[in-house]
């Protein structure tokens, strides 16, 4: 991390404005962030699109998250990404919203339009759909089981329903799953998972829980995984090892498993577009990380 940034957040008198003039400045805020490949991805983007911008990640707590983000934007930051567990909480930061941000009620991208105007967006859903299509994991009217009902789920469900897919939601806390289903049922075929009402032969199972951050797999009926079942985890491992969820799915016989690295690159590219109006080559940048 750049020493200028460290001293800035420690509250010294160093002139941050002079520093920011040298580079366009973007940041990632969340907890945890040390595993994130986003700084590497955006470094590759910066070179490709020939825009000199700096992208750093900052660890936040519940008590200092809002202070850090607002201070960053007020002191020259052009925009930022928000990651777990603050995507839903950050909805109160902007005063303007894209259509998808309003629908999802979740923010992963902030764009500073002016000193007093912040636009909230969410690029997770479009990033996920890009990667699922790249992998040939999704088609129109796919039957999907969604594991989890947190901020990541809110970010992506609208896009899945726009593909005319049927979505069943399974979550440890049933009341949270019910709330999620009720919010999005006006957009398509979404329901609460039940062994009585849901099929047992899903085309795709997507894990949007944060279990992987704690080296765990979410609980779900193991008889739902077949050799043809596509299993996708929005989490990813920095060392490219399989997440606990994907390890389990592989052991259950699935021949099609993928982590969320492609989604990470795609959502980052669409965030980059929102800041600089230039879209990096997503497939090329996914290949760079797989080398």
C-alpha atoms as a PDB file:
ATOM      1  CA  UNK A   1       0.000   0.000   0.000  1.00  0.00           C
ATOM      2  CA  UNK A   2       1.279   3.464  -0.874  1.00  0.00           C
ATOM      3  CA  UNK A   3       2.736   5.288   2.172  1.00  0.00           C
ATOM      4  CA  UNK A   4       0.912   8.444   1.120  1.00  0.00           C
ATOM      5  CA  UNK A   5      -2.411   6.663   1.441  1.00  0.00           C
ATOM      6  CA  UNK A   6      -1.486   5.205   4.825  1.00  0.00           C
ATOM      7  CA  UNK A   7      -0.494   8.549   6.282  1.00  0.00           C
ATOM      8  CA  UNK A   8      -3.572  10.158   4.794  1.00  0.00           C
ATOM      9  CA  UNK A   9      -5.935   7.829   6.573  1.00  0.00           C
ATOM     10  CA  UNK A  10      -3.936   8.259   9.775  1.00  0.00           C
ATOM     11  CA  UNK A  11      -4.784  11.941   9.583  1.00  0.00           C
ATOM     12  CA  UNK A  12      -1.460  13.625   8.907  1.00  0.00           C
ATOM     13  CA  UNK A  13      -1.119  17.008   7.225  1.00  0.00           C
ATOM     14  CA  UNK A  14       0.348  15.553   4.034  1.00  0.00           C
ATOM     15  CA  UNK A  15      -1.192  17.178   0.954  1.00  0.00           C
ATOM     16  CA  UNK A  16      -3.343  14.398  -0.506  1.00  0.00           C
ATOM     17  CA  UNK A  17      -4.606  16.661  -3.290  1.00  0.00           C
ATOM     18  CA  UNK A  18      -1.173  16.889  -4.889  1.00  0.00           C
ATOM     19  CA  UNK A  19      -0.876  13.121  -4.742  1.00  0.00           C
ATOM     20  CA  UNK A  20      -4.272  12.516  -6.368  1.00  0.00           C
ATOM     21  CA  UNK A  21      -3.486  14.923  -9.210  1.00  0.00           C
ATOM     22  CA  UNK A  22      -0.677  12.587 -10.275  1.00  0.00           C
ATOM     23  CA  UNK A  23      -3.030   9.620 -10.591  1.00  0.00           C
ATOM     24  CA  UNK A  24      -6.742   9.070 -10.786  1.00  0.00           C
ATOM     25  CA  UNK A  25      -7.609   7.375  -7.535  1.00  0.00           C
ATOM     26  CA  UNK A  26     -10.043   4.471  -6.987  1.00  0.00           C
ATOM     27  CA  UNK A  27     -10.421   2.207  -3.947  1.00  0.00           C
ATOM     28  CA  UNK A  28     -12.021  -0.984  -2.643  1.00  0.00           C
ATOM     29  CA  UNK A  29     -13.641  -1.020   0.799  1.00  0.00           C
ATOM     30  CA  UNK A  30     -14.692  -4.166   2.654  1.00  0.00           C
ATOM     31  CA  UNK A  31     -13.858  -6.826   5.211  1.00  0.00           C
ATOM     32  CA  UNK A  32     -11.915  -8.945   4.415  1.00  0.00           C
ATOM     33  CA  UNK A  33      -9.975  -7.444   1.495  1.00  0.00           C
ATOM     34  CA  UNK A  34      -6.499  -8.964   1.785  1.00  0.00           C
ATOM     35  CA  UNK A  35      -7.539 -11.886  -0.444  1.00  0.00           C
ATOM     36  CA  UNK A  36      -8.799  -9.615  -3.223  1.00  0.00           C
ATOM     37  CA  UNK A  37      -7.347  -9.796  -6.719  1.00  0.00           C
ATOM     38  CA  UNK A  38      -9.064  -6.537  -7.675  1.00  0.00           C
ATOM     39  CA  UNK A  39      -5.905  -4.379  -7.393  1.00  0.00           C
ATOM     40  CA  UNK A  40      -4.119  -6.703  -9.844  1.00  0.00           C
ATOM     41  CA  UNK A  41      -7.098  -6.731 -12.210  1.00  0.00           C
ATOM     42  CA  UNK A  42      -7.356  -2.935 -12.238  1.00  0.00           C
ATOM     43  CA  UNK A  43      -3.607  -2.594 -12.719  1.00  0.00           C
ATOM     44  CA  UNK A  44      -4.041  -4.675 -15.889  1.00  0.00           C
ATOM     45  CA  UNK A  45      -7.027  -2.541 -16.932  1.00  0.00           C
ATOM     46  CA  UNK A  46      -5.063   0.670 -16.409  1.00  0.00           C
ATOM     47  CA  UNK A  47      -2.352  -0.493 -18.796  1.00  0.00           C
ATOM     48  CA  UNK A  48      -4.817  -1.771 -21.381  1.00  0.00           C
ATOM     49  CA  UNK A  49      -7.032   1.321 -21.587  1.00  0.00           C
ATOM     50  CA  UNK A  50      -4.074   3.685 -21.131  1.00  0.00           C
ATOM     51  CA  UNK A  51      -5.603   5.553 -18.210  1.00  0.00           C
ATOM     52  CA  UNK A  52      -3.269   6.031 -15.275  1.00  0.00           C
ATOM     53  CA  UNK A  53      -5.326   5.178 -12.214  1.00  0.00           C
ATOM     54  CA  UNK A  54      -4.385   3.766  -8.838  1.00  0.00           C
ATOM     55  CA  UNK A  55      -6.530   1.096  -7.168  1.00  0.00           C
ATOM     56  CA  UNK A  56      -5.999   0.168  -3.511  1.00  0.00           C
ATOM     57  CA  UNK A  57      -8.003  -1.900  -1.037  1.00  0.00           C
ATOM     58  CA  UNK A  58      -8.893  -0.787   2.495  1.00  0.00           C
ATOM     59  CA  UNK A  59     -10.020  -2.926   5.389  1.00  0.00           C
ATOM     60  CA  UNK A  60     -13.033  -1.476   7.191  1.00  0.00           C
ATOM     61  CA  UNK A  61     -15.017  -2.194  10.321  1.00  0.00           C
ATOM     62  CA  UNK A  62     -18.718  -1.578  10.906  1.00  0.00           C
ATOM     63  CA  UNK A  63     -17.819   1.501  12.941  1.00  0.00           C
ATOM     64  CA  UNK A  64     -15.498   3.201  10.429  1.00  0.00           C
ATOM     65  CA  UNK A  65     -16.833   2.040   7.032  1.00  0.00           C
ATOM     66  CA  UNK A  66     -18.972   5.093   6.235  1.00  0.00           C
ATOM     67  CA  UNK A  67     -16.347   7.510   7.534  1.00  0.00           C
ATOM     68  CA  UNK A  68     -13.605   6.012   5.379  1.00  0.00           C
ATOM     69  CA  UNK A  69     -15.658   5.910   2.183  1.00  0.00           C
ATOM     70  CA  UNK A  70     -17.063   9.433   2.517  1.00  0.00           C
ATOM     71  CA  UNK A  71     -13.686  10.888   3.490  1.00  0.00           C
ATOM     72  CA  UNK A  72     -12.098   9.208   0.481  1.00  0.00           C
ATOM     73  CA  UNK A  73     -14.685  10.588  -1.960  1.00  0.00           C
ATOM     74  CA  UNK A  74     -14.630  14.085  -0.454  1.00  0.00           C
ATOM     75  CA  UNK A  75     -10.854  14.272  -0.702  1.00  0.00           C
ATOM     76  CA  UNK A  76     -10.372  13.488  -4.365  1.00  0.00           C
ATOM     77  CA  UNK A  77     -11.303   9.852  -4.926  1.00  0.00           C
ATOM     78  CA  UNK A  78     -13.098   9.373  -8.252  1.00  0.00           C
ATOM     79  CA  UNK A  79     -15.028   6.293  -7.227  1.00  0.00           C
ATOM     80  CA  UNK A  80     -14.839   3.020  -5.387  1.00  0.00           C
ATOM     81  CA  UNK A  81     -15.960  -0.564  -5.133  1.00  0.00           C
ATOM     82  CA  UNK A  82     -17.767  -1.962  -2.102  1.00  0.00           C
ATOM     83  CA  UNK A  83     -17.460  -5.612  -1.131  1.00  0.00           C
ATOM     84  CA  UNK A  84     -18.733  -7.827   1.694  1.00  0.00           C
ATOM     85  CA  UNK A  85     -20.258  -7.199   4.151  1.00  0.00           C
ATOM     86  CA  UNK A  86     -21.188  -3.610   3.212  1.00  0.00           C
ATOM     87  CA  UNK A  87     -23.015  -3.848  -0.142  1.00  0.00           C
ATOM     88  CA  UNK A  88     -26.496  -3.366   1.292  1.00  0.00           C
ATOM     89  CA  UNK A  89     -25.356  -0.934   3.996  1.00  0.00           C
ATOM     90  CA  UNK A  90     -23.713   1.340   1.414  1.00  0.00           C
ATOM     91  CA  UNK A  91     -27.069   2.016  -0.269  1.00  0.00           C
ATOM     92  CA  UNK A  92     -27.457   5.152   1.870  1.00  0.00           C
ATOM     93  CA  UNK A  93     -24.213   6.743   0.606  1.00  0.00           C
ATOM     94  CA  UNK A  94     -25.166   7.931  -2.921  1.00  0.00           C
ATOM     95  CA  UNK A  95     -27.871  10.461  -3.759  1.00  0.00           C
ATOM     96  CA  UNK A  96     -28.362   9.085  -7.286  1.00  0.00           C
ATOM     97  CA  UNK A  97     -28.871   5.485  -8.405  1.00  0.00           C
ATOM     98  CA  UNK A  98     -28.813   3.403 -11.560  1.00  0.00           C
ATOM     99  CA  UNK A  99     -31.867   1.280 -12.340  1.00  0.00           C
ATOM    100  CA  UNK A 100     -30.210  -1.935 -11.191  1.00  0.00           C
ATOM    101  CA  UNK A 101     -29.004  -0.338  -7.952  1.00  0.00           C
ATOM    102  CA  UNK A 102     -32.570   0.701  -7.145  1.00  0.00           C
ATOM    103  CA  UNK A 103     -33.925  -2.742  -7.956  1.00  0.00           C
ATOM    104  CA  UNK A 104     -31.313  -4.653  -5.996  1.00  0.00           C
ATOM    105  CA  UNK A 105     -31.035  -2.284  -3.058  1.00  0.00           C
ATOM    106  CA  UNK A 106     -27.345  -3.176  -3.045  1.00  0.00           C
ATOM    107  CA  UNK A 107     -24.270  -1.208  -4.138  1.00  0.00           C
ATOM    108  CA  UNK A 108     -20.884  -2.443  -5.299  1.00  0.00           C
ATOM    109  CA  UNK A 109     -19.797   0.634  -7.289  1.00  0.00           C
ATOM    110  CA  UNK A 110     -19.810   4.331  -6.400  1.00  0.00           C
ATOM    111  CA  UNK A 111     -19.092   7.038  -8.975  1.00  0.00           C
ATOM    112  CA  UNK A 112     -18.392  10.612  -7.929  1.00  0.00           C
ATOM    113  CA  UNK A 113     -20.203  12.816 -10.446  1.00  0.00           C
ATOM    114  CA  UNK A 114     -19.348  16.016  -8.582  1.00  0.00           C
ATOM    115  CA  UNK A 115     -18.512  17.127  -5.046  1.00  0.00           C
ATOM    116  CA  UNK A 116     -22.142  16.769  -4.026  1.00  0.00           C
ATOM    117  CA  UNK A 117     -23.404  14.031  -6.340  1.00  0.00           C
ATOM    118  CA  UNK A 118     -22.548  10.358  -5.911  1.00  0.00           C
ATOM    119  CA  UNK A 119     -24.018   7.712  -8.213  1.00  0.00           C
ATOM    120  CA  UNK A 120     -24.617   4.217  -6.861  1.00  0.00           C
ATOM    121  CA  UNK A 121     -24.456   1.225  -9.204  1.00  0.00           C
ATOM    122  CA  UNK A 122     -24.167  -2.545  -9.000  1.00  0.00           C
ATOM    123  CA  UNK A 123     -22.160  -4.450 -11.604  1.00  0.00           C
ATOM    124  CA  UNK A 124     -22.227  -7.860  -9.904  1.00  0.00           C
ATOM    125  CA  UNK A 125     -25.244  -9.162 -11.795  1.00  0.00           C
ATOM    126  CA  UNK A 126     -24.052  -8.243 -15.271  1.00  0.00           C
ATOM    127  CA  UNK A 127     -20.618  -9.605 -14.342  1.00  0.00           C
ATOM    128  CA  UNK A 128     -22.117 -12.932 -13.257  1.00  0.00           C
ATOM    129  CA  UNK A 129     -24.224 -13.321 -16.400  1.00  0.00           C
ATOM    130  CA  UNK A 130     -21.186 -12.569 -18.571  1.00  0.00           C
ATOM    131  CA  UNK A 131     -19.206 -15.340 -16.888  1.00  0.00           C
ATOM    132  CA  UNK A 132     -22.035 -17.884 -16.839  1.00  0.00           C
ATOM    133  CA  UNK A 133     -22.515 -17.384 -20.578  1.00  0.00           C
ATOM    134  CA  UNK A 134     -18.753 -17.585 -21.171  1.00  0.00           C
ATOM    135  CA  UNK A 135     -18.740 -20.943 -19.376  1.00  0.00           C
ATOM    136  CA  UNK A 136     -21.970 -22.054 -21.054  1.00  0.00           C
ATOM    137  CA  UNK A 137     -23.483 -22.616 -17.596  1.00  0.00           C
ATOM    138  CA  UNK A 138     -26.730 -20.781 -18.283  1.00  0.00           C
ATOM    139  CA  UNK A 139     -29.392 -20.640 -20.955  1.00  0.00           C
ATOM    140  CA  UNK A 140     -32.894 -19.255 -21.199  1.00  0.00           C
ATOM    141  CA  UNK A 141     -35.214 -20.863 -18.631  1.00  0.00           C
ATOM    142  CA  UNK A 142     -32.472 -22.625 -16.703  1.00  0.00           C
ATOM    143  CA  UNK A 143     -33.576 -24.080 -13.369  1.00  0.00           C
ATOM    144  CA  UNK A 144     -31.344 -22.498 -10.711  1.00  0.00           C
ATOM    145  CA  UNK A 145     -30.825 -23.155  -7.009  1.00  0.00           C
ATOM    146  CA  UNK A 146     -29.427 -20.098  -5.233  1.00  0.00           C
ATOM    147  CA  UNK A 147     -27.659 -20.731  -1.925  1.00  0.00           C
ATOM    148  CA  UNK A 148     -27.754 -17.606   0.255  1.00  0.00           C
ATOM    149  CA  UNK A 149     -29.821 -14.443   0.597  1.00  0.00           C
ATOM    150  CA  UNK A 150     -27.326 -11.735   1.537  1.00  0.00           C
ATOM    151  CA  UNK A 151     -26.103  -8.718  -0.402  1.00  0.00           C
ATOM    152  CA  UNK A 152     -24.614 -10.839  -3.190  1.00  0.00           C
ATOM    153  CA  UNK A 153     -27.976 -12.500  -3.800  1.00  0.00           C
ATOM    154  CA  UNK A 154     -29.717  -9.125  -4.047  1.00  0.00           C
ATOM    155  CA  UNK A 155     -27.082  -8.067  -6.577  1.00  0.00           C
ATOM    156  CA  UNK A 156     -27.638 -10.900  -9.042  1.00  0.00           C
ATOM    157  CA  UNK A 157     -31.214 -12.218  -8.862  1.00  0.00           C
ATOM    158  CA  UNK A 158     -32.734  -9.587 -11.156  1.00  0.00           C
ATOM    159  CA  UNK A 159     -30.283 -10.515 -13.918  1.00  0.00           C
ATOM    160  CA  UNK A 160     -31.016 -14.235 -13.534  1.00  0.00           C
ATOM    161  CA  UNK A 161     -34.751 -13.544 -13.804  1.00  0.00           C
ATOM    162  CA  UNK A 162     -34.151 -11.354 -16.869  1.00  0.00           C
ATOM    163  CA  UNK A 163     -32.721 -14.482 -18.523  1.00  0.00           C
ATOM    164  CA  UNK A 164     -36.150 -16.102 -17.912  1.00  0.00           C
ATOM    165  CA  UNK A 165     -34.579 -18.518 -15.443  1.00  0.00           C
ATOM    166  CA  UNK A 166     -36.498 -20.076 -12.544  1.00  0.00           C
ATOM    167  CA  UNK A 167     -34.776 -19.433  -9.208  1.00  0.00           C
ATOM    168  CA  UNK A 168     -35.236 -21.348  -5.940  1.00  0.00           C
ATOM    169  CA  UNK A 169     -33.661 -19.726  -2.877  1.00  0.00           C
ATOM    170  CA  UNK A 170     -32.230 -21.787  -0.026  1.00  0.00           C
ATOM    171  CA  UNK A 171     -30.902 -19.986   3.043  1.00  0.00           C
ATOM    172  CA  UNK A 172     -30.120 -21.014   6.609  1.00  0.00           C
ATOM    173  CA  UNK A 173     -32.340 -18.231   7.974  1.00  0.00           C
ATOM    174  CA  UNK A 174     -35.691 -18.805   6.312  1.00  0.00           C
ATOM    175  CA  UNK A 175     -37.064 -15.343   7.116  1.00  0.00           C
ATOM    176  CA  UNK A 176     -34.245 -13.727   5.111  1.00  0.00           C
ATOM    177  CA  UNK A 177     -34.945 -15.981   2.152  1.00  0.00           C
ATOM    178  CA  UNK A 178     -38.657 -15.106   2.326  1.00  0.00           C
ATOM    179  CA  UNK A 179     -37.801 -11.395   2.310  1.00  0.00           C
ATOM    180  CA  UNK A 180     -35.586 -11.874  -0.757  1.00  0.00           C
ATOM    181  CA  UNK A 181     -38.230 -13.858  -2.643  1.00  0.00           C
ATOM    182  CA  UNK A 182     -40.939 -11.311  -1.873  1.00  0.00           C
ATOM    183  CA  UNK A 183     -38.764  -8.454  -3.132  1.00  0.00           C
ATOM    184  CA  UNK A 184     -38.054 -10.007  -6.525  1.00  0.00           C
ATOM    185  CA  UNK A 185     -41.151 -12.067  -7.324  1.00  0.00           C
ATOM    186  CA  UNK A 186     -42.551  -9.239  -9.454  1.00  0.00           C
ATOM    187  CA  UNK A 187     -39.637  -9.743 -11.872  1.00  0.00           C
ATOM    188  CA  UNK A 188     -40.017 -13.448 -12.579  1.00  0.00           C
ATOM    189  CA  UNK A 189     -40.259 -17.021 -11.347  1.00  0.00           C
ATOM    190  CA  UNK A 190     -38.609 -17.064  -7.931  1.00  0.00           C
ATOM    191  CA  UNK A 191     -39.583 -19.187  -4.958  1.00  0.00           C
ATOM    192  CA  UNK A 192     -38.448 -20.473  -1.593  1.00  0.00           C
ATOM    193  CA  UNK A 193     -36.725 -23.832  -1.780  1.00  0.00           C
ATOM    194  CA  UNK A 194     -38.793 -26.730  -0.544  1.00  0.00           C
ATOM    195  CA  UNK A 195     -38.391 -30.445  -1.123  1.00  0.00           C
ATOM    196  CA  UNK A 196     -42.139 -30.521  -1.745  1.00  0.00           C
ATOM    197  CA  UNK A 197     -42.412 -27.719  -4.302  1.00  0.00           C
ATOM    198  CA  UNK A 198     -39.000 -27.449  -5.989  1.00  0.00           C
ATOM    199  CA  UNK A 199     -37.568 -29.819  -8.559  1.00  0.00           C
ATOM    200  CA  UNK A 200     -34.616 -31.961  -7.547  1.00  0.00           C
ATOM    201  CA  UNK A 201     -32.826 -31.681 -10.874  1.00  0.00           C
ATOM    202  CA  UNK A 202     -31.399 -28.163 -11.135  1.00  0.00           C
ATOM    203  CA  UNK A 203     -29.371 -27.092 -14.149  1.00  0.00           C
ATOM    204  CA  UNK A 204     -27.230 -24.753 -12.055  1.00  0.00           C
ATOM    205  CA  UNK A 205     -26.440 -24.297  -8.359  1.00  0.00           C
ATOM    206  CA  UNK A 206     -24.930 -20.933  -7.404  1.00  0.00           C
ATOM    207  CA  UNK A 207     -23.343 -20.329  -4.013  1.00  0.00           C
ATOM    208  CA  UNK A 208     -23.619 -16.671  -2.994  1.00  0.00           C
ATOM    209  CA  UNK A 209     -22.988 -17.217   0.720  1.00  0.00           C
ATOM    210  CA  UNK A 210     -19.819 -15.976   2.413  1.00  0.00           C
ATOM    211  CA  UNK A 211     -19.061 -19.464   3.799  1.00  0.00           C
ATOM    212  CA  UNK A 212     -15.979 -19.786   1.623  1.00  0.00           C
ATOM    213  CA  UNK A 213     -14.316 -16.910   3.467  1.00  0.00           C
ATOM    214  CA  UNK A 214     -14.425 -19.115   6.557  1.00  0.00           C
ATOM    215  CA  UNK A 215     -13.310 -22.272   4.735  1.00  0.00           C
ATOM    216  CA  UNK A 216     -16.787 -23.803   4.851  1.00  0.00           C
ATOM    217  CA  UNK A 217     -19.418 -24.933   2.385  1.00  0.00           C
ATOM    218  CA  UNK A 218     -23.080 -23.942   2.821  1.00  0.00           C
ATOM    219  CA  UNK A 219     -25.538 -26.659   3.855  1.00  0.00           C
ATOM    220  CA  UNK A 220     -27.823 -27.947   1.118  1.00  0.00           C
ATOM    221  CA  UNK A 221     -29.309 -31.330   0.120  1.00  0.00           C
ATOM    222  CA  UNK A 222     -26.478 -33.366  -1.385  1.00  0.00           C
ATOM    223  CA  UNK A 223     -28.834 -35.346  -3.609  1.00  0.00           C
ATOM    224  CA  UNK A 224     -29.303 -32.224  -5.756  1.00  0.00           C
ATOM    225  CA  UNK A 225     -25.877 -32.593  -7.384  1.00  0.00           C
ATOM    226  CA  UNK A 226     -25.637 -34.802 -10.485  1.00  0.00           C
ATOM    227  CA  UNK A 227     -22.821 -35.214 -13.055  1.00  0.00           C
ATOM    228  CA  UNK A 228     -24.542 -32.715 -15.388  1.00  0.00           C
ATOM    229  CA  UNK A 229     -25.223 -30.125 -12.656  1.00  0.00           C
ATOM    230  CA  UNK A 230     -23.316 -26.865 -13.140  1.00  0.00           C
ATOM    231  CA  UNK A 231     -21.949 -25.646  -9.799  1.00  0.00           C
ATOM    232  CA  UNK A 232     -20.763 -22.054  -9.520  1.00  0.00           C
ATOM    233  CA  UNK A 233     -19.288 -20.264  -6.505  1.00  0.00           C
ATOM    234  CA  UNK A 234     -19.174 -16.465  -6.601  1.00  0.00           C
ATOM    235  CA  UNK A 235     -16.222 -16.711  -4.200  1.00  0.00           C
ATOM    236  CA  UNK A 236     -12.746 -17.541  -5.452  1.00  0.00           C
ATOM    237  CA  UNK A 237      -9.372 -18.519  -4.083  1.00  0.00           C
ATOM    238  CA  UNK A 238      -6.378 -16.265  -4.606  1.00  0.00           C
ATOM    239  CA  UNK A 239      -4.204 -19.389  -4.871  1.00  0.00           C
ATOM    240  CA  UNK A 240      -6.604 -20.959  -7.392  1.00  0.00           C
ATOM    241  CA  UNK A 241      -7.513 -23.920  -5.177  1.00  0.00           C
ATOM    242  CA  UNK A 242     -11.129 -25.075  -5.193  1.00  0.00           C
ATOM    243  CA  UNK A 243     -13.462 -23.438  -2.695  1.00  0.00           C
ATOM    244  CA  UNK A 244     -15.042 -25.738  -0.066  1.00  0.00           C
ATOM    245  CA  UNK A 245     -18.364 -25.599  -1.959  1.00  0.00           C
ATOM    246  CA  UNK A 246     -16.755 -26.630  -5.240  1.00  0.00           C
ATOM    247  CA  UNK A 247     -14.726 -29.361  -3.565  1.00  0.00           C
ATOM    248  CA  UNK A 248     -17.963 -30.789  -2.183  1.00  0.00           C
ATOM    249  CA  UNK A 249     -19.753 -30.556  -5.539  1.00  0.00           C
ATOM    250  CA  UNK A 250     -16.853 -32.294  -7.262  1.00  0.00           C
ATOM    251  CA  UNK A 251     -16.903 -35.088  -4.682  1.00  0.00           C
ATOM    252  CA  UNK A 252     -20.648 -35.454  -5.299  1.00  0.00           C
ATOM    253  CA  UNK A 253     -19.987 -36.078  -8.975  1.00  0.00           C
ATOM    254  CA  UNK A 254     -20.440 -32.739 -10.766  1.00  0.00           C
ATOM    255  CA  UNK A 255     -18.335 -32.509 -13.903  1.00  0.00           C
ATOM    256  CA  UNK A 256     -18.875 -28.763 -14.234  1.00  0.00           C
ATOM    257  CA  UNK A 257     -17.520 -26.530 -11.485  1.00  0.00           C
ATOM    258  CA  UNK A 258     -16.247 -22.953 -11.498  1.00  0.00           C
ATOM    259  CA  UNK A 259     -15.353 -20.280  -9.010  1.00  0.00           C
ATOM    260  CA  UNK A 260     -16.201 -16.595  -9.407  1.00  0.00           C
ATOM    261  CA  UNK A 261     -12.910 -15.335 -10.811  1.00  0.00           C
ATOM    262  CA  UNK A 262     -14.473 -14.650 -14.201  1.00  0.00           C
ATOM    263  CA  UNK A 263     -17.336 -12.806 -12.528  1.00  0.00           C
ATOM    264  CA  UNK A 264     -14.821 -10.762 -10.534  1.00  0.00           C
ATOM    265  CA  UNK A 265     -13.059  -9.641 -13.708  1.00  0.00           C
ATOM    266  CA  UNK A 266     -16.322  -8.913 -15.529  1.00  0.00           C
ATOM    267  CA  UNK A 267     -17.888  -6.851 -12.730  1.00  0.00           C
ATOM    268  CA  UNK A 268     -14.582  -4.988 -12.361  1.00  0.00           C
ATOM    269  CA  UNK A 269     -14.584  -4.202 -16.080  1.00  0.00           C
ATOM    270  CA  UNK A 270     -18.113  -2.795 -15.924  1.00  0.00           C
ATOM    271  CA  UNK A 271     -17.122  -0.719 -12.874  1.00  0.00           C
ATOM    272  CA  UNK A 272     -14.157   0.568 -14.862  1.00  0.00           C
ATOM    273  CA  UNK A 273     -16.556   1.537 -17.636  1.00  0.00           C
ATOM    274  CA  UNK A 274     -18.702   3.478 -15.168  1.00  0.00           C
ATOM    275  CA  UNK A 275     -15.677   5.502 -14.034  1.00  0.00           C
ATOM    276  CA  UNK A 276     -13.848   6.073 -17.339  1.00  0.00           C
ATOM    277  CA  UNK A 277     -16.362   5.214 -20.102  1.00  0.00           C
ATOM    278  CA  UNK A 278     -14.011   2.560 -21.485  1.00  0.00           C
ATOM    279  CA  UNK A 279     -14.706  -1.178 -21.221  1.00  0.00           C
ATOM    280  CA  UNK A 280     -11.604  -3.387 -20.904  1.00  0.00           C
ATOM    281  CA  UNK A 281     -11.415  -6.685 -22.773  1.00  0.00           C
ATOM    282  CA  UNK A 282     -12.974  -9.046 -20.227  1.00  0.00           C
ATOM    283  CA  UNK A 283     -12.030 -12.391 -21.774  1.00  0.00           C
ATOM    284  CA  UNK A 284      -8.436 -11.305 -22.293  1.00  0.00           C
ATOM    285  CA  UNK A 285      -8.136 -10.209 -18.673  1.00  0.00           C
ATOM    286  CA  UNK A 286      -9.657 -13.458 -17.393  1.00  0.00           C
ATOM    287  CA  UNK A 287      -7.027 -15.335 -19.392  1.00  0.00           C
ATOM    288  CA  UNK A 288      -4.290 -13.175 -17.859  1.00  0.00           C
ATOM    289  CA  UNK A 289      -5.265 -14.326 -14.361  1.00  0.00           C
ATOM    290  CA  UNK A 290      -5.417 -17.969 -15.386  1.00  0.00           C
ATOM    291  CA  UNK A 291      -1.845 -17.939 -16.747  1.00  0.00           C
END
